[in-house]
């Protein structure tokens, strides 16, 4: 198991020092910016994190609302995420974790999450739209990760479980998020993170 974290905040030089002081090996960062919720990954940040010796785990999230999860939005989100990942220099054949950041019932998984990931998969399966061969990653509850992973291997459809009280049972994950939102560091090095550990399945981190 490797210890890491994820954060919605840009990793400045001072914050990177905090992460390294806490023995993190990787950091999950959002490819896209959502005003008031998350900072988008920048090229300078990629260089800083990579040169600092940490791996980056790519996340993509637009909305937590149930009505966002449609086939059309899956296509649009995947196309945007692939473009951003390529622009940031993300290495080929590594995953982008698309977030389902809410507890989902079985009917919501069937009616919303499945069409959303079908849209994502249609983009990622296209060598024209996804020339670097980025892999599909699923972030969400154990129930969501288990259903979308299905019978595929851990490195074909990567899974990032939220280890809380949400629905589902699933232990064959790539990444597990726990210990939510502690503030680490001091002064300009302060940063809020969620702790994350990777399994022997490989978490799909990358460096530039």
N, C-alpha and C. Protein backbone atom coordinates (compact mmCIF):
# COMPACT_ATOMS: atom_id res chain seq x y z
N UNK A 1 0.84 -1.19 0.00
CA UNK A 1 0.00 0.00 0.00
C UNK A 1 0.88 1.25 0.00
N UNK A 2 0.56 2.20 -0.89
CA UNK A 2 1.25 3.48 -0.91
C UNK A 2 0.31 4.54 -0.35
N UNK A 3 0.85 5.49 0.41
CA UNK A 3 0.06 6.53 1.04
C UNK A 3 0.04 7.77 0.16
N UNK A 4 -1.14 8.32 -0.04
CA UNK A 4 -1.28 9.55 -0.80
C UNK A 4 -2.44 10.36 -0.29
N UNK A 5 -2.89 11.30 -1.10
CA UNK A 5 -4.01 12.15 -0.73
C UNK A 5 -4.64 12.69 -1.99
N UNK A 6 -5.78 13.34 -1.82
CA UNK A 6 -6.31 14.16 -2.90
C UNK A 6 -6.70 15.51 -2.32
N UNK A 7 -6.74 16.52 -3.18
CA UNK A 7 -7.04 17.86 -2.73
C UNK A 7 -7.69 18.66 -3.85
N UNK A 8 -8.56 19.57 -3.46
CA UNK A 8 -9.21 20.47 -4.43
C UNK A 8 -8.41 21.74 -4.63
N UNK A 9 -7.26 21.85 -3.97
CA UNK A 9 -6.47 23.07 -3.93
C UNK A 9 -5.21 22.94 -4.77
N UNK A 10 -4.85 24.00 -5.48
CA UNK A 10 -3.58 24.00 -6.20
C UNK A 10 -2.43 23.70 -5.25
N UNK A 11 -1.51 22.87 -5.70
CA UNK A 11 -0.35 22.50 -4.89
C UNK A 11 0.78 23.46 -5.20
N UNK A 12 0.92 24.46 -4.34
CA UNK A 12 2.02 25.42 -4.44
C UNK A 12 3.30 24.78 -3.92
N UNK A 13 4.41 25.49 -4.03
CA UNK A 13 5.68 24.96 -3.52
C UNK A 13 5.60 24.70 -2.02
N UNK A 14 4.98 25.62 -1.29
CA UNK A 14 4.87 25.45 0.16
C UNK A 14 3.95 24.27 0.50
N UNK A 15 2.86 24.13 -0.23
CA UNK A 15 1.95 23.01 0.02
C UNK A 15 2.57 21.68 -0.37
N UNK A 16 3.39 21.69 -1.41
CA UNK A 16 4.10 20.48 -1.80
C UNK A 16 5.03 20.02 -0.68
N UNK A 17 5.69 20.96 -0.04
CA UNK A 17 6.55 20.62 1.09
C UNK A 17 5.74 19.95 2.20
N UNK A 18 4.53 20.46 2.46
CA UNK A 18 3.65 19.85 3.45
C UNK A 18 3.32 18.40 3.07
N UNK A 19 2.99 18.19 1.80
CA UNK A 19 2.66 16.83 1.35
C UNK A 19 3.85 15.89 1.52
N UNK A 20 5.02 16.36 1.16
CA UNK A 20 6.22 15.54 1.29
C UNK A 20 6.54 15.27 2.76
N UNK A 21 6.33 16.26 3.61
CA UNK A 21 6.58 16.08 5.04
C UNK A 21 5.64 15.06 5.67
N UNK A 22 4.50 14.83 5.03
CA UNK A 22 3.54 13.83 5.52
C UNK A 22 3.71 12.48 4.83
N UNK A 23 4.81 12.34 4.09
CA UNK A 23 5.20 11.06 3.47
C UNK A 23 4.23 10.58 2.40
N UNK A 24 3.54 11.52 1.74
CA UNK A 24 2.66 11.14 0.65
C UNK A 24 3.49 10.81 -0.60
N UNK A 25 3.06 9.78 -1.30
CA UNK A 25 3.73 9.33 -2.52
C UNK A 25 3.02 9.88 -3.76
N UNK A 26 1.73 10.15 -3.64
CA UNK A 26 0.95 10.66 -4.77
C UNK A 26 -0.09 11.64 -4.27
N UNK A 27 -0.60 12.46 -5.21
CA UNK A 27 -1.66 13.41 -4.87
C UNK A 27 -2.69 13.40 -5.99
N UNK A 28 -3.95 13.24 -5.63
CA UNK A 28 -5.05 13.33 -6.58
C UNK A 28 -5.42 14.78 -6.81
N UNK A 29 -5.51 15.17 -8.10
CA UNK A 29 -5.85 16.55 -8.46
C UNK A 29 -6.87 16.57 -9.58
N UNK A 30 -7.72 17.59 -9.55
CA UNK A 30 -8.76 17.74 -10.57
C UNK A 30 -8.18 18.34 -11.84
N UNK A 31 -8.51 17.74 -12.96
CA UNK A 31 -8.10 18.30 -14.25
C UNK A 31 -8.83 19.61 -14.55
N UNK A 32 -10.03 19.74 -14.03
CA UNK A 32 -10.88 20.89 -14.37
C UNK A 32 -11.18 21.74 -13.14
N UNK A 33 -11.42 23.00 -13.40
CA UNK A 33 -11.80 23.94 -12.34
C UNK A 33 -13.32 24.03 -12.26
N UNK A 34 -13.85 24.07 -11.04
CA UNK A 34 -15.25 24.37 -10.79
C UNK A 34 -15.28 25.48 -9.75
N UNK A 35 -15.76 26.65 -10.14
CA UNK A 35 -15.73 27.82 -9.28
C UNK A 35 -16.38 27.52 -7.93
N UNK A 36 -15.64 27.81 -6.86
CA UNK A 36 -16.16 27.62 -5.52
C UNK A 36 -16.00 26.23 -4.97
N UNK A 37 -15.52 25.30 -5.80
CA UNK A 37 -15.38 23.91 -5.35
C UNK A 37 -13.97 23.36 -5.52
N UNK A 38 -13.36 23.55 -6.69
CA UNK A 38 -12.07 22.93 -6.93
C UNK A 38 -11.24 23.74 -7.91
N UNK A 39 -9.94 23.78 -7.65
CA UNK A 39 -8.98 24.39 -8.57
C UNK A 39 -8.59 23.37 -9.62
N UNK A 40 -8.43 23.82 -10.85
CA UNK A 40 -7.97 22.94 -11.92
C UNK A 40 -6.46 22.80 -11.90
N UNK A 41 -6.00 21.63 -12.26
CA UNK A 41 -4.56 21.37 -12.36
C UNK A 41 -3.94 22.29 -13.41
N UNK A 42 -2.72 22.79 -13.13
CA UNK A 42 -2.01 23.66 -14.07
C UNK A 42 -0.71 23.00 -14.51
N UNK A 43 -0.18 23.48 -15.62
CA UNK A 43 1.09 22.94 -16.12
C UNK A 43 2.23 23.16 -15.12
N UNK A 44 2.25 24.35 -14.51
CA UNK A 44 3.28 24.64 -13.51
C UNK A 44 3.18 23.68 -12.34
N UNK A 45 1.96 23.38 -11.95
CA UNK A 45 1.73 22.45 -10.84
C UNK A 45 2.20 21.03 -11.20
N UNK A 46 1.92 20.61 -12.41
CA UNK A 46 2.38 19.29 -12.87
C UNK A 46 3.89 19.19 -12.77
N UNK A 47 4.58 20.21 -13.26
CA UNK A 47 6.04 20.21 -13.20
C UNK A 47 6.54 20.20 -11.76
N UNK A 48 5.91 21.01 -10.92
CA UNK A 48 6.32 21.12 -9.52
C UNK A 48 6.14 19.78 -8.79
N UNK A 49 4.97 19.17 -8.95
CA UNK A 49 4.70 17.91 -8.27
C UNK A 49 5.62 16.81 -8.79
N UNK A 50 5.78 16.74 -10.10
CA UNK A 50 6.63 15.70 -10.69
C UNK A 50 8.08 15.87 -10.27
N UNK A 51 8.58 17.09 -10.34
CA UNK A 51 9.96 17.34 -9.94
C UNK A 51 10.16 17.09 -8.44
N UNK A 52 9.08 17.23 -7.67
CA UNK A 52 9.15 16.97 -6.24
C UNK A 52 9.11 15.49 -5.89
N UNK A 53 8.91 14.65 -6.90
CA UNK A 53 8.97 13.22 -6.68
C UNK A 53 7.64 12.54 -6.42
N UNK A 54 6.53 13.29 -6.46
CA UNK A 54 5.21 12.70 -6.24
C UNK A 54 4.54 12.38 -7.58
N UNK A 55 3.67 11.38 -7.55
CA UNK A 55 2.84 11.05 -8.69
C UNK A 55 1.53 11.83 -8.62
N UNK A 56 0.92 12.04 -9.76
CA UNK A 56 -0.37 12.72 -9.87
C UNK A 56 -1.44 11.69 -10.25
N UNK A 57 -2.58 11.74 -9.58
CA UNK A 57 -3.74 10.94 -9.95
C UNK A 57 -4.80 11.91 -10.48
N UNK A 58 -5.25 11.68 -11.69
CA UNK A 58 -6.16 12.62 -12.36
C UNK A 58 -7.62 12.35 -12.02
N UNK A 59 -8.31 13.41 -11.60
CA UNK A 59 -9.74 13.36 -11.29
C UNK A 59 -10.49 14.33 -12.20
N UNK A 60 -11.75 14.01 -12.46
CA UNK A 60 -12.59 14.92 -13.24
C UNK A 60 -13.98 14.94 -12.63
N UNK A 61 -14.46 16.12 -12.31
CA UNK A 61 -15.80 16.27 -11.74
C UNK A 61 -16.38 17.61 -12.11
N UNK A 62 -17.59 17.58 -12.64
CA UNK A 62 -18.32 18.80 -12.98
C UNK A 62 -19.39 19.10 -11.95
N UNK A 63 -20.15 18.06 -11.56
CA UNK A 63 -21.32 18.27 -10.72
C UNK A 63 -21.61 17.03 -9.89
N UNK A 64 -22.26 17.26 -8.73
CA UNK A 64 -22.73 16.16 -7.89
C UNK A 64 -24.21 15.88 -8.12
N UNK A 65 -24.86 16.70 -8.92
CA UNK A 65 -26.31 16.57 -9.13
C UNK A 65 -26.66 15.33 -9.93
N UNK A 66 -27.70 14.65 -9.53
CA UNK A 66 -28.12 13.42 -10.20
C UNK A 66 -28.40 13.67 -11.67
N UNK A 67 -29.01 14.80 -12.00
CA UNK A 67 -29.39 15.04 -13.39
C UNK A 67 -28.21 15.31 -14.31
N UNK A 68 -27.00 15.45 -13.74
CA UNK A 68 -25.82 15.60 -14.60
C UNK A 68 -25.44 14.30 -15.26
N UNK A 69 -25.81 13.19 -14.65
CA UNK A 69 -25.30 11.89 -15.09
C UNK A 69 -26.18 11.30 -16.19
N UNK A 70 -25.84 11.75 -17.42
CA UNK A 70 -26.52 11.29 -18.63
C UNK A 70 -25.47 10.83 -19.63
N UNK A 71 -25.92 10.13 -20.65
CA UNK A 71 -25.00 9.67 -21.69
C UNK A 71 -24.33 10.85 -22.39
N UNK A 72 -25.11 11.85 -22.73
CA UNK A 72 -24.56 13.01 -23.44
C UNK A 72 -23.51 13.73 -22.61
N UNK A 73 -23.75 13.87 -21.32
CA UNK A 73 -22.77 14.52 -20.45
C UNK A 73 -21.54 13.65 -20.25
N UNK A 74 -21.73 12.33 -20.27
CA UNK A 74 -20.57 11.44 -20.21
C UNK A 74 -19.65 11.64 -21.40
N UNK A 75 -20.24 11.76 -22.58
CA UNK A 75 -19.45 12.03 -23.79
C UNK A 75 -18.74 13.37 -23.66
N UNK A 76 -19.46 14.41 -23.28
CA UNK A 76 -18.88 15.75 -23.19
C UNK A 76 -17.78 15.80 -22.13
N UNK A 77 -18.03 15.19 -20.98
CA UNK A 77 -17.03 15.21 -19.90
C UNK A 77 -15.77 14.47 -20.31
N UNK A 78 -15.94 13.33 -20.95
CA UNK A 78 -14.77 12.55 -21.37
C UNK A 78 -13.96 13.29 -22.41
N UNK A 79 -14.62 13.92 -23.37
CA UNK A 79 -13.89 14.68 -24.40
C UNK A 79 -13.10 15.82 -23.77
N UNK A 80 -13.72 16.52 -22.82
CA UNK A 80 -13.03 17.62 -22.15
C UNK A 80 -11.87 17.09 -21.31
N UNK A 81 -12.12 16.02 -20.56
CA UNK A 81 -11.09 15.47 -19.68
C UNK A 81 -9.89 14.97 -20.47
N UNK A 82 -10.12 14.31 -21.58
CA UNK A 82 -9.03 13.81 -22.41
C UNK A 82 -8.19 14.98 -22.93
N UNK A 83 -8.85 16.05 -23.36
CA UNK A 83 -8.12 17.22 -23.84
C UNK A 83 -7.28 17.86 -22.76
N UNK A 84 -7.85 18.00 -21.56
CA UNK A 84 -7.11 18.59 -20.45
C UNK A 84 -5.93 17.71 -20.04
N UNK A 85 -6.16 16.41 -19.96
CA UNK A 85 -5.09 15.48 -19.58
C UNK A 85 -3.93 15.55 -20.57
N UNK A 86 -4.27 15.58 -21.84
CA UNK A 86 -3.23 15.67 -22.87
C UNK A 86 -2.47 16.98 -22.76
N UNK A 87 -3.18 18.08 -22.54
CA UNK A 87 -2.55 19.39 -22.40
C UNK A 87 -1.61 19.44 -21.20
N UNK A 88 -1.94 18.70 -20.14
CA UNK A 88 -1.11 18.68 -18.94
C UNK A 88 0.07 17.73 -19.05
N UNK A 89 0.12 16.96 -20.14
CA UNK A 89 1.22 16.02 -20.32
C UNK A 89 1.02 14.70 -19.62
N UNK A 90 -0.23 14.36 -19.28
CA UNK A 90 -0.49 13.07 -18.64
C UNK A 90 -0.02 11.94 -19.55
N UNK A 91 0.67 11.00 -18.98
CA UNK A 91 1.26 9.91 -19.77
C UNK A 91 0.18 8.97 -20.31
N UNK A 92 0.50 8.32 -21.41
CA UNK A 92 -0.44 7.43 -22.09
C UNK A 92 -0.83 6.26 -21.20
N UNK A 93 -2.05 5.75 -21.44
CA UNK A 93 -2.54 4.51 -20.82
C UNK A 93 -2.68 4.60 -19.31
N UNK A 94 -2.82 5.82 -18.78
CA UNK A 94 -3.10 6.02 -17.36
C UNK A 94 -4.55 6.46 -17.20
N UNK A 95 -5.13 6.29 -16.01
CA UNK A 95 -6.56 6.54 -15.86
C UNK A 95 -6.91 7.99 -15.56
N UNK A 96 -8.13 8.34 -15.93
CA UNK A 96 -8.81 9.54 -15.45
C UNK A 96 -10.00 9.05 -14.64
N UNK A 97 -10.06 9.45 -13.38
CA UNK A 97 -11.15 9.02 -12.51
C UNK A 97 -12.30 10.02 -12.61
N UNK A 98 -13.43 9.57 -13.14
CA UNK A 98 -14.63 10.40 -13.26
C UNK A 98 -15.47 10.21 -12.00
N UNK A 99 -15.81 11.33 -11.36
CA UNK A 99 -16.38 11.29 -10.02
C UNK A 99 -17.90 11.19 -10.02
N UNK A 100 -18.38 10.26 -9.22
CA UNK A 100 -19.80 10.17 -8.84
C UNK A 100 -19.81 10.44 -7.34
N UNK A 101 -19.80 11.72 -6.98
CA UNK A 101 -19.56 12.12 -5.60
C UNK A 101 -20.87 12.24 -4.82
N UNK A 102 -21.61 11.15 -4.77
CA UNK A 102 -22.85 11.09 -4.01
C UNK A 102 -23.23 9.63 -3.83
N UNK A 103 -24.02 9.36 -2.80
CA UNK A 103 -24.51 8.00 -2.57
C UNK A 103 -25.56 7.70 -3.62
N UNK A 104 -25.47 6.52 -4.23
CA UNK A 104 -26.37 6.16 -5.32
C UNK A 104 -27.13 4.87 -5.00
N UNK A 105 -28.44 4.90 -5.20
CA UNK A 105 -29.24 3.69 -5.06
C UNK A 105 -29.04 2.82 -6.29
N UNK A 106 -29.51 1.59 -6.23
CA UNK A 106 -29.37 0.68 -7.37
C UNK A 106 -30.09 1.21 -8.60
N UNK A 107 -31.26 1.82 -8.42
CA UNK A 107 -31.98 2.35 -9.58
C UNK A 107 -31.27 3.57 -10.16
N UNK A 108 -30.67 4.39 -9.31
CA UNK A 108 -29.92 5.54 -9.80
C UNK A 108 -28.66 5.10 -10.55
N UNK A 109 -28.05 4.03 -10.09
CA UNK A 109 -26.89 3.49 -10.81
C UNK A 109 -27.32 3.02 -12.20
N UNK A 110 -28.41 2.30 -12.27
CA UNK A 110 -28.90 1.77 -13.54
C UNK A 110 -29.34 2.89 -14.49
N UNK A 111 -30.08 3.85 -13.95
CA UNK A 111 -30.71 4.86 -14.80
C UNK A 111 -29.82 6.07 -15.11
N UNK A 112 -28.84 6.33 -14.25
CA UNK A 112 -28.02 7.54 -14.41
C UNK A 112 -26.53 7.23 -14.59
N UNK A 113 -25.98 6.46 -13.67
CA UNK A 113 -24.54 6.21 -13.69
C UNK A 113 -24.13 5.38 -14.90
N UNK A 114 -24.90 4.35 -15.20
CA UNK A 114 -24.55 3.48 -16.34
C UNK A 114 -24.54 4.26 -17.65
N UNK A 115 -25.60 5.01 -18.01
CA UNK A 115 -25.53 5.79 -19.25
C UNK A 115 -24.38 6.80 -19.27
N UNK A 116 -24.09 7.39 -18.12
CA UNK A 116 -23.00 8.35 -18.03
C UNK A 116 -21.67 7.69 -18.39
N UNK A 117 -21.41 6.53 -17.81
CA UNK A 117 -20.15 5.84 -18.10
C UNK A 117 -20.15 5.19 -19.48
N UNK A 118 -21.30 4.87 -20.01
CA UNK A 118 -21.35 4.42 -21.40
C UNK A 118 -20.89 5.53 -22.33
N UNK A 119 -21.30 6.76 -22.02
CA UNK A 119 -20.85 7.90 -22.80
C UNK A 119 -19.34 8.10 -22.68
N UNK A 120 -18.83 8.01 -21.46
CA UNK A 120 -17.39 8.13 -21.22
C UNK A 120 -16.64 7.05 -22.00
N UNK A 121 -17.10 5.83 -21.89
CA UNK A 121 -16.42 4.70 -22.52
C UNK A 121 -16.39 4.85 -24.04
N UNK A 122 -17.45 5.41 -24.62
CA UNK A 122 -17.49 5.59 -26.08
C UNK A 122 -16.38 6.52 -26.55
N UNK A 123 -16.01 7.48 -25.73
CA UNK A 123 -14.92 8.39 -26.06
C UNK A 123 -13.57 7.72 -25.83
N UNK A 124 -13.42 7.09 -24.67
CA UNK A 124 -12.14 6.49 -24.33
C UNK A 124 -11.80 5.31 -25.24
N UNK A 125 -12.81 4.64 -25.79
CA UNK A 125 -12.58 3.51 -26.71
C UNK A 125 -12.21 3.96 -28.12
N UNK A 126 -12.31 5.26 -28.38
CA UNK A 126 -12.04 5.78 -29.72
C UNK A 126 -10.59 6.23 -29.84
N UNK A 127 -9.84 5.62 -30.74
CA UNK A 127 -8.45 6.02 -30.92
C UNK A 127 -8.34 7.43 -31.50
N UNK A 128 -9.40 7.88 -32.15
CA UNK A 128 -9.40 9.25 -32.68
C UNK A 128 -9.62 10.27 -31.56
N UNK A 129 -10.59 10.01 -30.70
CA UNK A 129 -10.90 10.94 -29.62
C UNK A 129 -9.94 10.79 -28.43
N UNK A 130 -9.33 9.64 -28.30
CA UNK A 130 -8.48 9.35 -27.15
C UNK A 130 -7.16 8.73 -27.63
N UNK A 131 -6.36 9.50 -28.39
CA UNK A 131 -5.15 8.92 -29.00
C UNK A 131 -4.10 8.45 -28.01
N UNK A 132 -4.13 8.97 -26.79
CA UNK A 132 -3.15 8.52 -25.79
C UNK A 132 -3.64 7.32 -24.97
N UNK A 133 -4.83 6.86 -25.29
CA UNK A 133 -5.33 5.64 -24.64
C UNK A 133 -5.56 5.76 -23.15
N UNK A 134 -6.06 6.91 -22.70
CA UNK A 134 -6.36 7.06 -21.28
C UNK A 134 -7.43 6.04 -20.87
N UNK A 135 -7.28 5.51 -19.66
CA UNK A 135 -8.16 4.47 -19.17
C UNK A 135 -9.32 5.06 -18.36
N UNK A 136 -10.39 4.28 -18.25
CA UNK A 136 -11.56 4.73 -17.50
C UNK A 136 -11.37 4.47 -16.02
N UNK A 137 -11.50 5.53 -15.23
CA UNK A 137 -11.47 5.42 -13.77
C UNK A 137 -12.81 5.82 -13.20
N UNK A 138 -13.22 5.14 -12.15
CA UNK A 138 -14.51 5.39 -11.50
C UNK A 138 -14.24 5.79 -10.06
N UNK A 139 -14.71 6.97 -9.68
CA UNK A 139 -14.64 7.42 -8.29
C UNK A 139 -16.05 7.43 -7.73
N UNK A 140 -16.26 6.78 -6.59
CA UNK A 140 -17.58 6.80 -6.00
C UNK A 140 -17.73 5.78 -4.90
N UNK A 141 -18.97 5.47 -4.59
CA UNK A 141 -19.27 4.50 -3.54
C UNK A 141 -18.82 3.11 -3.95
N UNK A 142 -18.76 2.22 -2.98
CA UNK A 142 -18.43 0.82 -3.28
C UNK A 142 -19.45 0.24 -4.27
N UNK A 143 -20.73 0.64 -4.11
CA UNK A 143 -21.77 0.12 -5.00
C UNK A 143 -21.54 0.58 -6.44
N UNK A 144 -21.22 1.84 -6.61
CA UNK A 144 -20.96 2.38 -7.96
C UNK A 144 -19.73 1.73 -8.56
N UNK A 145 -18.64 1.67 -7.81
CA UNK A 145 -17.39 1.11 -8.34
C UNK A 145 -17.55 -0.37 -8.69
N UNK A 146 -18.24 -1.10 -7.85
CA UNK A 146 -18.46 -2.52 -8.12
C UNK A 146 -19.27 -2.73 -9.38
N UNK A 147 -20.34 -1.95 -9.55
CA UNK A 147 -21.22 -2.14 -10.70
C UNK A 147 -20.53 -1.77 -12.00
N UNK A 148 -19.85 -0.63 -12.01
CA UNK A 148 -19.22 -0.17 -13.24
C UNK A 148 -17.97 -0.99 -13.57
N UNK A 149 -17.23 -1.42 -12.56
CA UNK A 149 -16.08 -2.29 -12.82
C UNK A 149 -16.55 -3.59 -13.46
N UNK A 150 -17.62 -4.18 -12.89
CA UNK A 150 -18.11 -5.46 -13.42
C UNK A 150 -17.05 -6.54 -13.33
N UNK A 151 -16.89 -7.27 -14.40
CA UNK A 151 -15.93 -8.38 -14.42
C UNK A 151 -14.57 -7.97 -14.98
N UNK A 152 -14.39 -6.69 -15.26
CA UNK A 152 -13.13 -6.23 -15.85
C UNK A 152 -12.02 -6.18 -14.80
N UNK A 153 -10.79 -6.20 -15.27
CA UNK A 153 -9.65 -6.17 -14.35
C UNK A 153 -9.47 -4.78 -13.77
N UNK A 154 -8.71 -4.72 -12.69
CA UNK A 154 -8.52 -3.46 -11.97
C UNK A 154 -7.81 -2.41 -12.82
N UNK A 155 -6.98 -2.83 -13.74
CA UNK A 155 -6.25 -1.86 -14.56
C UNK A 155 -6.90 -1.62 -15.92
N UNK A 156 -8.05 -2.24 -16.16
CA UNK A 156 -8.85 -1.93 -17.33
C UNK A 156 -9.89 -0.87 -16.98
N UNK A 157 -10.52 -1.03 -15.83
CA UNK A 157 -11.43 -0.04 -15.28
C UNK A 157 -11.01 0.22 -13.84
N UNK A 158 -10.28 1.28 -13.64
CA UNK A 158 -9.75 1.61 -12.32
C UNK A 158 -10.88 2.06 -11.39
N UNK A 159 -10.75 1.74 -10.11
CA UNK A 159 -11.78 2.12 -9.14
C UNK A 159 -11.17 2.85 -7.95
N UNK A 160 -11.87 3.88 -7.49
CA UNK A 160 -11.44 4.77 -6.41
C UNK A 160 -12.62 4.87 -5.45
N UNK A 161 -12.60 4.08 -4.39
CA UNK A 161 -13.76 4.03 -3.51
C UNK A 161 -13.70 5.11 -2.44
N UNK A 162 -14.88 5.62 -2.10
CA UNK A 162 -15.05 6.51 -0.96
C UNK A 162 -15.41 5.62 0.22
N UNK A 163 -14.52 5.53 1.20
CA UNK A 163 -14.73 4.60 2.31
C UNK A 163 -15.49 5.31 3.44
N UNK A 164 -16.81 5.37 3.26
CA UNK A 164 -17.66 6.00 4.26
C UNK A 164 -18.91 5.14 4.43
N UNK A 165 -20.02 5.74 4.76
CA UNK A 165 -21.25 4.97 5.03
C UNK A 165 -22.11 4.77 3.79
N UNK A 166 -21.62 5.16 2.60
CA UNK A 166 -22.40 4.99 1.39
C UNK A 166 -22.63 3.51 1.08
N UNK A 167 -23.57 3.24 0.18
CA UNK A 167 -24.01 1.88 -0.12
C UNK A 167 -22.93 1.04 -0.80
N UNK A 168 -23.02 -0.27 -0.58
CA UNK A 168 -22.21 -1.19 -1.36
C UNK A 168 -21.14 -1.93 -0.58
N UNK A 169 -20.73 -3.05 -1.16
CA UNK A 169 -19.60 -3.83 -0.66
C UNK A 169 -18.67 -4.09 -1.83
N UNK A 170 -17.41 -3.73 -1.67
CA UNK A 170 -16.45 -3.88 -2.76
C UNK A 170 -15.05 -3.66 -2.20
N UNK A 171 -14.18 -4.66 -2.36
CA UNK A 171 -12.85 -4.57 -1.76
C UNK A 171 -11.71 -4.67 -2.77
N UNK A 172 -12.02 -4.85 -4.05
CA UNK A 172 -10.97 -5.03 -5.06
C UNK A 172 -10.67 -3.70 -5.74
N UNK A 173 -10.38 -2.68 -4.91
CA UNK A 173 -10.22 -1.32 -5.41
C UNK A 173 -8.76 -1.02 -5.76
N UNK A 174 -8.59 0.05 -6.53
CA UNK A 174 -7.25 0.58 -6.81
C UNK A 174 -6.85 1.63 -5.79
N UNK A 175 -7.81 2.50 -5.45
CA UNK A 175 -7.58 3.56 -4.48
C UNK A 175 -8.73 3.60 -3.48
N UNK A 176 -8.38 3.93 -2.22
CA UNK A 176 -9.39 4.04 -1.16
C UNK A 176 -9.21 5.37 -0.45
N UNK A 177 -10.27 6.15 -0.42
CA UNK A 177 -10.26 7.46 0.23
C UNK A 177 -10.84 7.36 1.63
N UNK A 178 -10.13 7.96 2.60
CA UNK A 178 -10.56 7.90 4.00
C UNK A 178 -10.01 9.13 4.72
N UNK A 179 -10.34 9.30 5.99
CA UNK A 179 -9.84 10.43 6.79
C UNK A 179 -10.03 11.73 6.02
N UNK A 180 -11.26 12.17 5.99
CA UNK A 180 -11.67 13.24 5.09
C UNK A 180 -11.39 14.65 5.63
N UNK A 181 -10.71 15.43 4.83
CA UNK A 181 -10.58 16.88 4.96
C UNK A 181 -9.79 17.41 6.17
N UNK A 182 -8.79 16.71 6.68
CA UNK A 182 -7.95 17.34 7.70
C UNK A 182 -7.11 18.46 7.07
N UNK A 183 -6.78 19.47 7.86
CA UNK A 183 -5.89 20.53 7.41
C UNK A 183 -4.48 20.21 7.88
N UNK A 184 -3.55 20.18 6.94
CA UNK A 184 -2.16 19.88 7.24
C UNK A 184 -1.30 21.11 7.01
N UNK A 185 -0.14 21.15 7.66
CA UNK A 185 0.81 22.23 7.44
C UNK A 185 0.45 23.50 8.18
N UNK A 186 1.25 24.53 7.93
CA UNK A 186 1.04 25.82 8.58
C UNK A 186 1.39 26.94 7.61
N UNK A 187 0.91 28.13 7.94
CA UNK A 187 1.19 29.33 7.16
C UNK A 187 0.82 29.10 5.68
N UNK A 188 1.70 29.45 4.75
CA UNK A 188 1.39 29.29 3.32
C UNK A 188 1.38 27.83 2.89
N UNK A 189 1.85 26.94 3.76
CA UNK A 189 1.85 25.51 3.44
C UNK A 189 0.59 24.78 3.85
N UNK A 190 -0.39 25.50 4.41
CA UNK A 190 -1.64 24.85 4.83
C UNK A 190 -2.38 24.28 3.62
N UNK A 191 -2.90 23.07 3.79
CA UNK A 191 -3.67 22.45 2.71
C UNK A 191 -4.64 21.44 3.30
N UNK A 192 -5.87 21.45 2.79
CA UNK A 192 -6.88 20.45 3.16
C UNK A 192 -6.81 19.29 2.19
N UNK A 193 -6.78 18.08 2.72
CA UNK A 193 -6.67 16.89 1.89
C UNK A 193 -7.64 15.83 2.37
N UNK A 194 -7.84 14.81 1.55
CA UNK A 194 -8.39 13.54 1.99
C UNK A 194 -7.26 12.52 1.87
N UNK A 195 -7.12 11.68 2.87
CA UNK A 195 -6.12 10.63 2.78
C UNK A 195 -6.58 9.56 1.80
N UNK A 196 -5.64 9.02 1.05
CA UNK A 196 -5.92 7.98 0.05
C UNK A 196 -4.80 6.95 0.12
N UNK A 197 -5.15 5.69 -0.01
CA UNK A 197 -4.12 4.65 -0.14
C UNK A 197 -4.36 3.89 -1.43
N UNK A 198 -3.27 3.41 -2.02
CA UNK A 198 -3.37 2.60 -3.23
C UNK A 198 -3.17 1.14 -2.88
N UNK A 199 -3.77 0.26 -3.67
CA UNK A 199 -3.64 -1.18 -3.46
C UNK A 199 -2.59 -1.74 -4.41
N UNK A 200 -2.40 -3.03 -4.32
CA UNK A 200 -1.46 -3.70 -5.21
C UNK A 200 -1.94 -3.70 -6.65
N UNK A 201 -3.19 -3.27 -6.88
CA UNK A 201 -3.74 -3.20 -8.24
C UNK A 201 -3.17 -2.03 -9.04
N UNK A 202 -2.48 -1.09 -8.38
CA UNK A 202 -1.92 0.11 -9.01
C UNK A 202 -2.97 1.21 -9.08
N UNK A 203 -2.62 2.38 -8.57
CA UNK A 203 -3.56 3.49 -8.54
C UNK A 203 -3.61 4.32 -9.79
N UNK A 204 -2.62 4.13 -10.68
CA UNK A 204 -2.64 4.85 -11.94
C UNK A 204 -2.06 6.25 -11.90
N UNK A 205 -1.15 6.49 -10.97
CA UNK A 205 -0.49 7.78 -10.91
C UNK A 205 0.48 7.98 -12.06
N UNK A 206 0.79 9.25 -12.33
CA UNK A 206 1.71 9.56 -13.44
C UNK A 206 2.57 10.77 -13.08
N UNK A 207 3.69 10.88 -13.75
CA UNK A 207 4.58 12.03 -13.64
C UNK A 207 4.90 12.53 -15.04
N UNK A 208 5.19 13.81 -15.14
CA UNK A 208 5.59 14.38 -16.43
C UNK A 208 7.07 14.16 -16.66
